[in-house]
Protein backbone atom coordinates (compact mmCIF):
# COMPACT_ATOMS: atom_id res chain seq x y z
CA UNK A 1 -137.64 -173.41 -25.59
CA UNK A 2 -139.77 -170.48 -24.63
CA UNK A 3 -140.37 -172.10 -21.25
CA UNK A 4 -136.72 -172.68 -20.71
CA UNK A 5 -136.03 -169.03 -21.35
CA UNK A 6 -138.08 -168.09 -18.31
CA UNK A 7 -136.21 -170.37 -15.94
CA UNK A 8 -133.97 -168.94 -13.30
CA UNK A 9 -130.37 -169.94 -13.97
CA UNK A 10 -127.81 -169.98 -11.16
CA UNK A 11 -124.31 -169.48 -12.48
CA UNK A 12 -120.95 -168.42 -10.98
CA UNK A 13 -119.82 -164.88 -11.78
CA UNK A 14 -116.11 -164.49 -12.60
CA UNK A 15 -114.82 -160.93 -12.11
CA UNK A 16 -111.71 -159.62 -13.86
CA UNK A 17 -108.43 -159.18 -12.00
CA UNK A 18 -108.35 -155.80 -10.22
CA UNK A 19 -112.00 -155.79 -9.24
CA UNK A 20 -112.67 -153.63 -6.18
CA UNK A 21 -115.83 -154.66 -4.38
CA UNK A 22 -117.76 -152.14 -2.33
CA UNK A 23 -121.47 -153.06 -2.19
CA UNK A 24 -123.04 -156.19 -3.73
CA UNK A 25 -126.75 -156.73 -4.39
CA UNK A 26 -128.22 -160.10 -3.51
CA UNK A 27 -129.42 -160.72 -7.05
CA UNK A 28 -128.15 -159.31 -10.36
CA UNK A 29 -129.88 -159.06 -13.76
CA UNK A 30 -127.72 -159.55 -16.86
CA UNK A 31 -128.58 -159.60 -20.56
CA UNK A 32 -127.94 -162.81 -22.56
CA UNK A 33 -128.49 -163.67 -26.24
CA UNK A 34 -129.97 -167.12 -26.85
CA UNK A 35 -128.40 -168.87 -29.88
CA UNK A 36 -131.85 -169.67 -31.37
CA UNK A 37 -133.46 -166.39 -30.47
CA UNK A 38 -132.27 -163.04 -31.73
CA UNK A 39 -133.92 -161.09 -28.93
CA UNK A 40 -132.06 -160.84 -25.65
CA UNK A 41 -133.66 -162.08 -22.46
CA UNK A 42 -132.95 -161.53 -18.80
CA UNK A 43 -131.33 -164.15 -16.63
CA UNK A 44 -131.34 -163.72 -12.87
CA UNK A 45 -128.27 -164.92 -11.06
CA UNK A 46 -127.27 -165.03 -7.41
CA UNK A 47 -124.16 -162.94 -6.67
CA UNK A 48 -123.69 -163.20 -2.94
CA UNK A 49 -122.16 -166.63 -2.81
CA UNK A 50 -120.44 -166.46 -6.18
CA UNK A 51 -116.64 -166.52 -6.12
CA UNK A 52 -114.43 -163.77 -7.50
CA UNK A 53 -110.84 -164.07 -8.65
CA UNK A 54 -108.36 -161.33 -7.66
CA UNK A 55 -104.65 -161.66 -8.40
CA UNK A 56 -105.09 -165.36 -9.14
CA UNK A 57 -106.71 -166.04 -5.76
CA UNK A 58 -110.32 -166.91 -5.04
CA UNK A 59 -112.33 -164.58 -2.80
CA UNK A 60 -115.98 -164.43 -1.84
CA UNK A 61 -117.81 -161.25 -2.73
CA UNK A 62 -118.68 -160.88 0.92
CA UNK A 63 -115.00 -160.46 1.81
CA UNK A 64 -114.49 -158.02 -1.07
CA UNK A 65 -117.50 -155.98 0.03
CA UNK A 66 -115.93 -155.50 3.46
CA UNK A 67 -112.64 -154.08 2.08
CA UNK A 68 -111.79 -150.53 3.22
CA UNK A 69 -109.33 -147.92 1.98
CA UNK A 70 -106.78 -146.45 4.38
CA UNK A 71 -104.96 -143.25 3.49
CA UNK A 72 -101.30 -143.61 4.41
CA UNK A 73 -100.48 -140.05 3.35
CA UNK A 74 -102.31 -136.75 3.43
CA UNK A 75 -101.99 -134.02 0.82
CA UNK A 76 -103.32 -130.50 0.36
CA UNK A 77 -104.08 -129.14 -3.12
CA UNK A 78 -104.87 -125.84 -4.73
CA UNK A 79 -105.97 -125.45 -8.36
CA UNK A 80 -105.56 -122.01 -9.86
CA UNK A 81 -105.99 -120.70 -13.38
CA UNK A 82 -103.47 -118.14 -14.55
CA UNK A 83 -104.09 -116.00 -17.63
CA UNK A 84 -101.42 -114.02 -19.47
CA UNK A 85 -103.34 -111.24 -21.17
CA UNK A 86 -101.42 -109.61 -24.00
CA UNK A 87 -99.25 -112.68 -24.47
CA UNK A 88 -97.62 -111.30 -27.60
CA UNK A 89 -96.04 -108.51 -25.54
CA UNK A 90 -94.43 -110.92 -23.07
CA UNK A 91 -92.40 -112.90 -25.60
CA UNK A 92 -89.83 -110.12 -25.62
CA UNK A 93 -89.08 -110.66 -21.93
CA UNK A 94 -85.64 -111.91 -20.95
CA UNK A 95 -84.64 -115.44 -20.09
CA UNK A 96 -84.83 -114.85 -16.32
CA UNK A 97 -87.71 -112.36 -16.37
CA UNK A 98 -90.74 -113.74 -14.59
CA UNK A 99 -94.27 -112.77 -13.70
CA UNK A 100 -95.40 -113.27 -10.10
CA UNK A 101 -99.18 -113.84 -9.86
CA UNK A 102 -99.12 -113.49 -6.07
CA UNK A 103 -98.83 -115.62 -2.98
CA UNK A 104 -101.11 -118.54 -2.13
CA UNK A 105 -101.48 -120.70 0.96
CA UNK A 106 -101.42 -124.50 0.62
CA UNK A 107 -100.78 -127.07 3.34
CA UNK A 108 -100.02 -124.45 5.96
CA UNK A 109 -97.27 -122.78 3.89
CA UNK A 110 -97.07 -119.77 1.61
CA UNK A 111 -96.10 -120.47 -2.01
CA UNK A 112 -95.52 -118.52 -5.18
CA UNK A 113 -95.76 -119.70 -8.78
CA UNK A 114 -93.18 -117.96 -10.95
CA UNK A 115 -94.18 -117.68 -14.63
CA UNK A 116 -91.48 -117.22 -17.29
CA UNK A 117 -93.26 -116.36 -20.58
CA UNK A 118 -90.17 -116.67 -22.80
CA UNK A 119 -87.51 -118.89 -21.21
CA UNK A 120 -84.82 -120.41 -23.39
CA UNK A 121 -82.33 -121.91 -20.92
CA UNK A 122 -83.02 -125.59 -20.34
CA UNK A 123 -85.94 -125.72 -22.80
CA UNK A 124 -86.43 -128.96 -24.78
CA UNK A 125 -85.41 -127.46 -28.13
CA UNK A 126 -83.34 -124.46 -27.06
CA UNK A 127 -86.09 -122.05 -28.12
CA UNK A 128 -88.46 -119.89 -26.13
CA UNK A 129 -90.94 -121.77 -23.96
CA UNK A 130 -93.52 -120.82 -21.35
CA UNK A 131 -91.99 -122.14 -18.13
CA UNK A 132 -93.14 -122.17 -14.52
CA UNK A 133 -91.73 -123.18 -11.18
CA UNK A 134 -92.95 -123.29 -7.59
CA UNK A 135 -91.18 -121.40 -4.78
CA UNK A 136 -91.61 -121.83 -1.01
CA UNK A 137 -91.90 -118.54 0.88
CA UNK A 138 -92.47 -119.78 4.45
CA UNK A 139 -90.02 -121.22 6.95
CA UNK A 140 -90.39 -125.05 6.92
CA UNK A 141 -91.65 -126.60 10.13
CA UNK A 142 -89.97 -129.91 9.27
CA UNK A 143 -86.55 -130.77 7.82
CA UNK A 144 -88.14 -131.16 4.35
CA UNK A 145 -91.43 -130.13 2.76
CA UNK A 146 -92.44 -132.12 -0.34
CA UNK A 147 -94.60 -130.56 -3.02
CA UNK A 148 -95.12 -130.53 -6.77
CA UNK A 149 -96.42 -128.19 -9.43
CA UNK A 150 -98.63 -129.64 -12.18
CA UNK A 151 -99.43 -127.35 -15.13
CA UNK A 152 -101.87 -127.67 -18.00
CA UNK A 153 -102.02 -125.40 -21.03
CA UNK A 154 -105.67 -124.78 -21.90
CA UNK A 155 -106.23 -125.28 -25.61
CA UNK A 156 -109.31 -123.95 -27.37
CA UNK A 157 -110.06 -127.23 -29.20
CA UNK A 158 -108.71 -130.19 -27.25
CA UNK A 159 -107.32 -131.31 -23.89
CA UNK A 160 -103.54 -131.16 -23.56
CA UNK A 161 -101.31 -133.34 -21.41
CA UNK A 162 -100.29 -131.96 -18.00
CA UNK A 163 -96.66 -131.49 -17.07
CA UNK A 164 -95.30 -131.42 -13.56
CA UNK A 165 -92.17 -131.16 -11.46
CA UNK A 166 -91.65 -132.10 -7.80
CA UNK A 167 -89.38 -130.57 -5.24
CA UNK A 168 -88.06 -130.98 -1.71
CA UNK A 169 -88.05 -127.66 0.14
CA UNK A 170 -85.73 -127.17 3.11
CA UNK A 171 -85.61 -123.38 3.39
CA UNK A 172 -87.48 -120.32 2.10
CA UNK A 173 -86.89 -119.48 -1.59
CA UNK A 174 -86.28 -123.14 -2.51
CA UNK A 175 -87.88 -123.93 -5.90
CA UNK A 176 -88.94 -126.87 -8.01
CA UNK A 177 -87.20 -127.49 -11.34
CA UNK A 178 -88.73 -125.61 -14.27
CA UNK A 179 -91.93 -126.95 -15.79
CA UNK A 180 -91.51 -126.31 -19.53
CA UNK A 181 -95.18 -126.20 -20.48
CA UNK A 182 -95.42 -125.28 -24.15
CA UNK A 183 -93.24 -123.51 -26.69
CA UNK A 184 -93.97 -119.88 -27.50
CA UNK A 185 -94.28 -120.87 -31.16
CA UNK A 186 -97.05 -123.36 -30.39
CA UNK A 187 -98.88 -120.86 -28.22
CA UNK A 188 -98.88 -118.35 -31.05
CA UNK A 189 -99.66 -120.73 -33.91
CA UNK A 190 -101.54 -123.75 -32.54
CA UNK A 191 -104.79 -122.44 -31.14
CA UNK A 192 -103.85 -121.62 -27.55
CA UNK A 193 -104.60 -117.89 -27.73
CA UNK A 194 -107.97 -116.25 -27.32
CA UNK A 195 -107.83 -112.53 -28.01
CA UNK A 196 -104.09 -112.62 -27.31
CA UNK A 197 -104.68 -114.26 -23.91
CA UNK A 198 -103.03 -117.53 -22.87
CA UNK A 199 -104.52 -119.50 -19.95
CA UNK A 200 -102.86 -122.17 -17.80
CA UNK A 201 -104.20 -124.33 -15.00
CA UNK A 202 -101.74 -124.88 -12.15
CA UNK A 203 -102.18 -127.40 -9.35
CA UNK A 204 -100.01 -127.16 -6.24
CA UNK A 205 -99.90 -130.36 -4.18
CA UNK A 206 -98.24 -130.36 -0.76
CA UNK A 207 -97.63 -133.58 1.14
CA UNK A 208 -98.73 -133.03 4.71
CA UNK A 209 -97.03 -134.59 7.66
CA UNK A 210 -98.56 -137.96 8.44
CA UNK A 211 -100.51 -137.79 11.73
CA UNK A 212 -99.16 -141.24 12.62
CA UNK A 213 -95.56 -140.13 12.14
CA UNK A 214 -95.78 -136.99 14.25
CA UNK A 215 -94.31 -137.52 17.68
CA UNK A 216 -96.24 -135.79 20.41
CA UNK A 217 -94.26 -132.78 21.44
CA UNK A 218 -93.27 -132.80 25.08
CA UNK A 219 -93.36 -129.65 27.14
CA UNK A 220 -89.85 -128.43 27.88
CA UNK A 221 -89.22 -127.31 31.47
CA UNK A 222 -88.05 -123.74 31.87
CA UNK A 223 -84.32 -123.24 32.27
CA UNK A 224 -82.98 -123.36 35.83
CA UNK A 225 -79.36 -122.69 34.94
CA UNK A 226 -79.23 -119.50 37.02
CA UNK A 227 -80.62 -121.41 40.01
CA UNK A 228 -78.03 -124.18 39.63
CA UNK A 229 -75.15 -121.71 39.36
CA UNK A 230 -76.54 -119.74 42.29
CA UNK A 231 -76.44 -122.89 44.41
CA UNK A 232 -72.87 -123.49 43.24
CA UNK A 233 -71.91 -120.02 44.47
CA UNK A 234 -73.71 -120.48 47.76
CA UNK A 235 -72.28 -123.92 48.56
CA UNK A 236 -68.77 -122.97 47.30
CA UNK A 237 -68.42 -126.48 45.87
CA UNK A 238 -65.36 -126.69 43.62
CA UNK A 239 -64.38 -123.07 44.27
CA UNK A 240 -60.78 -122.30 43.29
CA UNK A 241 -60.50 -118.57 44.06
CA UNK A 242 -61.00 -116.52 47.20
CA UNK A 243 -61.58 -112.75 47.33
CA UNK A 244 -60.92 -110.56 50.32
CA UNK A 245 -63.21 -107.50 50.22
CA UNK A 246 -63.44 -105.06 53.14
CA UNK A 247 -62.48 -107.80 55.59
CA UNK A 248 -64.88 -110.44 54.18
CA UNK A 249 -63.96 -113.55 52.19
CA UNK A 250 -65.86 -114.72 49.09
CA UNK A 251 -65.22 -118.05 47.35
CA UNK A 252 -65.80 -118.31 43.60
CA UNK A 253 -64.91 -120.26 40.45
CA UNK A 254 -62.35 -118.86 38.04
CA UNK A 255 -63.90 -120.38 34.92
CA UNK A 256 -67.32 -118.87 35.58
CA UNK A 257 -65.88 -115.46 36.42
CA UNK A 258 -63.68 -115.51 33.31
CA UNK A 259 -66.61 -116.50 31.08
CA UNK A 260 -68.63 -113.51 32.28
CA UNK A 261 -66.05 -110.79 32.75
CA UNK A 262 -63.17 -109.84 30.42
CA UNK A 263 -61.34 -108.38 33.42
CA UNK A 264 -61.48 -111.65 35.35
CA UNK A 265 -60.54 -113.52 32.17
CA UNK A 266 -57.38 -111.47 31.81
CA UNK A 267 -56.66 -111.72 35.53
CA UNK A 268 -56.92 -115.51 35.67
CA UNK A 269 -55.93 -116.70 32.20
CA UNK A 270 -54.29 -113.79 30.38
CA UNK A 271 -50.65 -112.86 30.06
CA UNK A 272 -50.88 -110.80 33.26
CA UNK A 273 -52.55 -113.61 35.23
CA UNK A 274 -51.89 -113.70 38.95
CA UNK A 275 -49.70 -116.75 39.65
CA UNK A 276 -49.39 -116.13 43.35
CA UNK A 277 -51.86 -116.92 46.12
CA UNK A 278 -55.43 -117.97 45.22
CA UNK A 279 -56.64 -115.28 47.65
CA UNK A 280 -57.23 -111.97 45.85
CA UNK A 281 -57.71 -108.69 47.65
CA UNK A 282 -60.17 -106.24 46.12
CA UNK A 283 -59.65 -102.64 47.15
CA UNK A 284 -61.99 -99.69 46.87
CA UNK A 285 -65.23 -101.70 47.02
CA UNK A 286 -67.70 -102.56 49.75
CA UNK A 287 -68.34 -106.19 50.58
CA UNK A 288 -72.10 -105.87 49.93
CA UNK A 289 -71.41 -104.47 46.45
CA UNK A 290 -68.97 -107.27 45.56
CA UNK A 291 -71.40 -109.87 46.86
CA UNK A 292 -74.20 -108.44 44.68
CA UNK A 293 -71.89 -108.42 41.67
CA UNK A 294 -70.93 -112.07 42.23
CA UNK A 295 -74.59 -112.99 42.49
CA UNK A 296 -75.27 -111.30 39.14
CA UNK A 297 -72.33 -113.09 37.47
CA UNK A 298 -73.73 -116.47 38.53
CA UNK A 299 -77.48 -115.87 38.21
CA UNK A 300 -77.91 -112.84 35.89
CA UNK A 301 -80.22 -111.26 38.46
CA UNK A 302 -79.92 -108.26 40.81
CA UNK A 303 -82.38 -108.74 43.68
CA UNK A 304 -80.97 -105.68 45.48
CA UNK A 305 -82.57 -103.46 42.82
CA UNK A 306 -86.01 -104.95 43.38
CA UNK A 307 -86.32 -103.67 46.92
CA UNK A 308 -88.82 -100.98 47.93
CA UNK A 309 -87.84 -97.33 48.04
CA UNK A 310 -86.84 -95.64 44.80
CA UNK A 311 -84.22 -93.35 46.31
CA UNK A 312 -82.59 -96.18 48.29
CA UNK A 313 -82.47 -98.41 45.22
CA UNK A 314 -80.98 -95.58 43.15
CA UNK A 315 -78.22 -95.11 45.72
CA UNK A 316 -77.39 -98.84 45.71
CA UNK A 317 -77.46 -98.88 41.91
CA UNK A 318 -74.80 -96.18 41.75
CA UNK A 319 -72.36 -98.32 43.73
CA UNK A 320 -73.17 -101.39 41.63
CA UNK A 321 -72.72 -99.36 38.44
CA UNK A 322 -69.14 -98.53 39.45
CA UNK A 323 -68.42 -102.24 40.07
CA UNK A 324 -70.01 -103.23 36.74
CA UNK A 325 -67.90 -100.73 34.84
CA UNK A 326 -64.77 -101.82 36.67
CA UNK A 327 -65.17 -105.49 35.65
CA UNK A 328 -66.60 -104.96 32.16
CA UNK A 329 -70.09 -106.33 32.90
CA UNK A 330 -72.05 -104.43 30.24
CA UNK A 331 -75.48 -105.93 30.92
CA UNK A 332 -75.04 -105.40 34.67
CA UNK A 333 -73.98 -101.82 33.97
CA UNK A 334 -77.05 -101.09 31.85
CA UNK A 335 -79.39 -102.47 34.52
CA UNK A 336 -77.72 -100.34 37.16
CA UNK A 337 -77.81 -97.28 34.90
CA UNK A 338 -81.57 -97.51 34.42
CA UNK A 339 -82.40 -97.46 38.12
CA UNK A 340 -80.86 -94.06 39.02
CA UNK A 341 -82.39 -92.58 35.86
CA UNK A 342 -85.85 -93.07 37.28
CA UNK A 343 -85.04 -91.97 40.85
CA UNK A 344 -83.14 -88.69 40.48
CA UNK A 345 -83.66 -86.16 43.27
CA UNK A 346 -82.33 -82.65 43.93
CA UNK A 347 -79.83 -83.94 46.51
CA UNK A 348 -78.52 -86.70 44.22
CA UNK A 349 -78.70 -85.00 40.82
CA UNK A 350 -75.23 -83.46 40.71
CA UNK A 351 -73.52 -86.51 42.26
CA UNK A 352 -75.28 -88.85 39.82
CA UNK A 353 -74.33 -86.59 36.92
CA UNK A 354 -70.68 -86.75 37.94
CA UNK A 355 -70.93 -90.55 38.20
CA UNK A 356 -72.47 -90.79 34.72
CA UNK A 357 -69.70 -88.61 33.26
CA UNK A 358 -66.91 -90.61 34.90
CA UNK A 359 -68.24 -94.02 33.80
CA UNK A 360 -69.50 -93.06 30.33
CA UNK A 361 -73.19 -93.57 31.02
CA UNK A 362 -74.82 -91.45 28.32
CA UNK A 363 -78.41 -92.41 29.16
CA UNK A 364 -77.98 -91.61 32.85
CA UNK A 365 -76.18 -88.36 32.00
CA UNK A 366 -79.01 -87.21 29.73
CA UNK A 367 -81.58 -88.03 32.43
CA UNK A 368 -79.65 -85.99 35.02
CA UNK A 369 -79.29 -82.96 32.74
CA UNK A 370 -82.97 -83.09 31.82
CA UNK A 371 -83.95 -83.19 35.50
CA UNK A 372 -81.60 -80.37 36.55
CA UNK A 373 -82.83 -77.92 33.89
CA UNK A 374 -86.48 -79.00 34.08
CA UNK A 375 -87.47 -75.85 35.97
CA UNK A 376 -85.62 -72.78 37.25
CA UNK A 377 -86.49 -73.82 40.80
CA UNK A 378 -84.93 -77.26 40.42
CA UNK A 379 -81.85 -75.77 38.78
CA UNK A 380 -81.34 -73.31 41.64
CA UNK A 381 -81.81 -76.07 44.22
CA UNK A 382 -79.24 -78.33 42.54
CA UNK A 383 -76.71 -75.49 42.25
CA UNK A 384 -76.93 -75.02 46.04
CA UNK A 385 -76.03 -78.63 46.91
CA UNK A 386 -72.65 -79.96 48.01
CA UNK A 387 -72.80 -82.43 45.16
CA UNK A 388 -72.73 -79.58 42.66
CA UNK A 389 -69.56 -78.22 44.25
CA UNK A 390 -67.95 -81.64 43.90
CA UNK A 391 -69.14 -81.72 40.30
CA UNK A 392 -67.36 -78.46 39.58
CA UNK A 393 -64.14 -79.86 41.02
CA UNK A 394 -64.21 -83.29 39.39
CA UNK A 395 -66.15 -82.86 36.13
CA UNK A 396 -66.06 -79.23 35.08
CA UNK A 397 -66.56 -80.28 31.43
CA UNK A 398 -70.14 -81.30 32.14
CA UNK A 399 -71.07 -77.66 32.80
CA UNK A 400 -70.99 -76.98 29.07
CA UNK A 401 -73.77 -79.53 28.59
CA UNK A 402 -75.79 -77.91 31.32
CA UNK A 403 -75.42 -74.45 29.80
CA UNK A 404 -76.47 -75.72 26.36
CA UNK A 405 -79.55 -77.36 27.86
CA UNK A 406 -80.50 -74.21 29.77
CA UNK A 407 -80.06 -72.08 26.66
CA UNK A 408 -82.14 -74.54 24.63
CA UNK A 409 -85.04 -74.33 27.09
CA UNK A 410 -84.98 -70.54 27.07
CA UNK A 411 -85.16 -70.48 23.28
């Protein structure tokens, strides 16, 4: 019998259902008790070729050893311990009163855990409970962000069961349902407090976007709408209106003009719309000015103001400003107002000031006044120009502003 005990026994090894094989040694030592011998002895058995049973099916350990784990989701976690010091003072807080420990970043978003030390509404027994909930502070990058809050009340003597709530967050300030952690009565009377301090462990888990589900973002070409509309103006394709300006004809599209200008909208589609000839005569405007205005309506650009020569550009801008004001093109008007403001000269100051007064351009008016009264020499030079004489005749009210500015500089 003693000799038999030393023999090497080869026997199949049956593994329980649910076995997960990772690495298998070639030979395994197991302890056996012989029926006629009270002392255990070692039996060596071969494990490599032994079968294993998993889910009722027979597998070799070699195939189990080659199994791998593939993560089909990805999550970010943050574990944080929160301590309420002076817990006995917080039980008098109201039902909706909460403590905000501060922001934390998890999964690329900012979050906030709201702690309610004495919440009654929705509690399991209608009494005061310590409740928590998770709030999203950032703007979601996807239609829905999924996260949960798991809370554990730390007891001084034993481990308590965690409680958690999950939420789907679609906008900032979205919250999970309340996690009712433990009743205030239990905190006070069941060994949770240490020197009137109650500690909780909170775990925030955020489900990240799966890398396999993220579509590669394509680069979006820059908008060429202004170029397309500019070509439409240039080719006159589909034009249904013709303007006669200083002997020149300009074809355009009523819908586009009406969409950009309230004046054109009323002219073409309002109660006073012109039902006569499609040809419209525009008086009191140069052809070059009308052409530049049409170009702006279609393309939102004013290339005439990008030319060299500050004084020349300022002069052109004054004419365009009048056209912009006439047709209610506010953005066009502002662009044209800025150009003369930076190119005011002695010869143009009074004329530009009169223009600003007539067309309600407060920024341009202030720039003109500031330039005129900048020095006594400039003031005297402007007062000697023909433009100042025209200013006296057409806009005498603006003199009061000049006098106030001069008096202010003297003081």
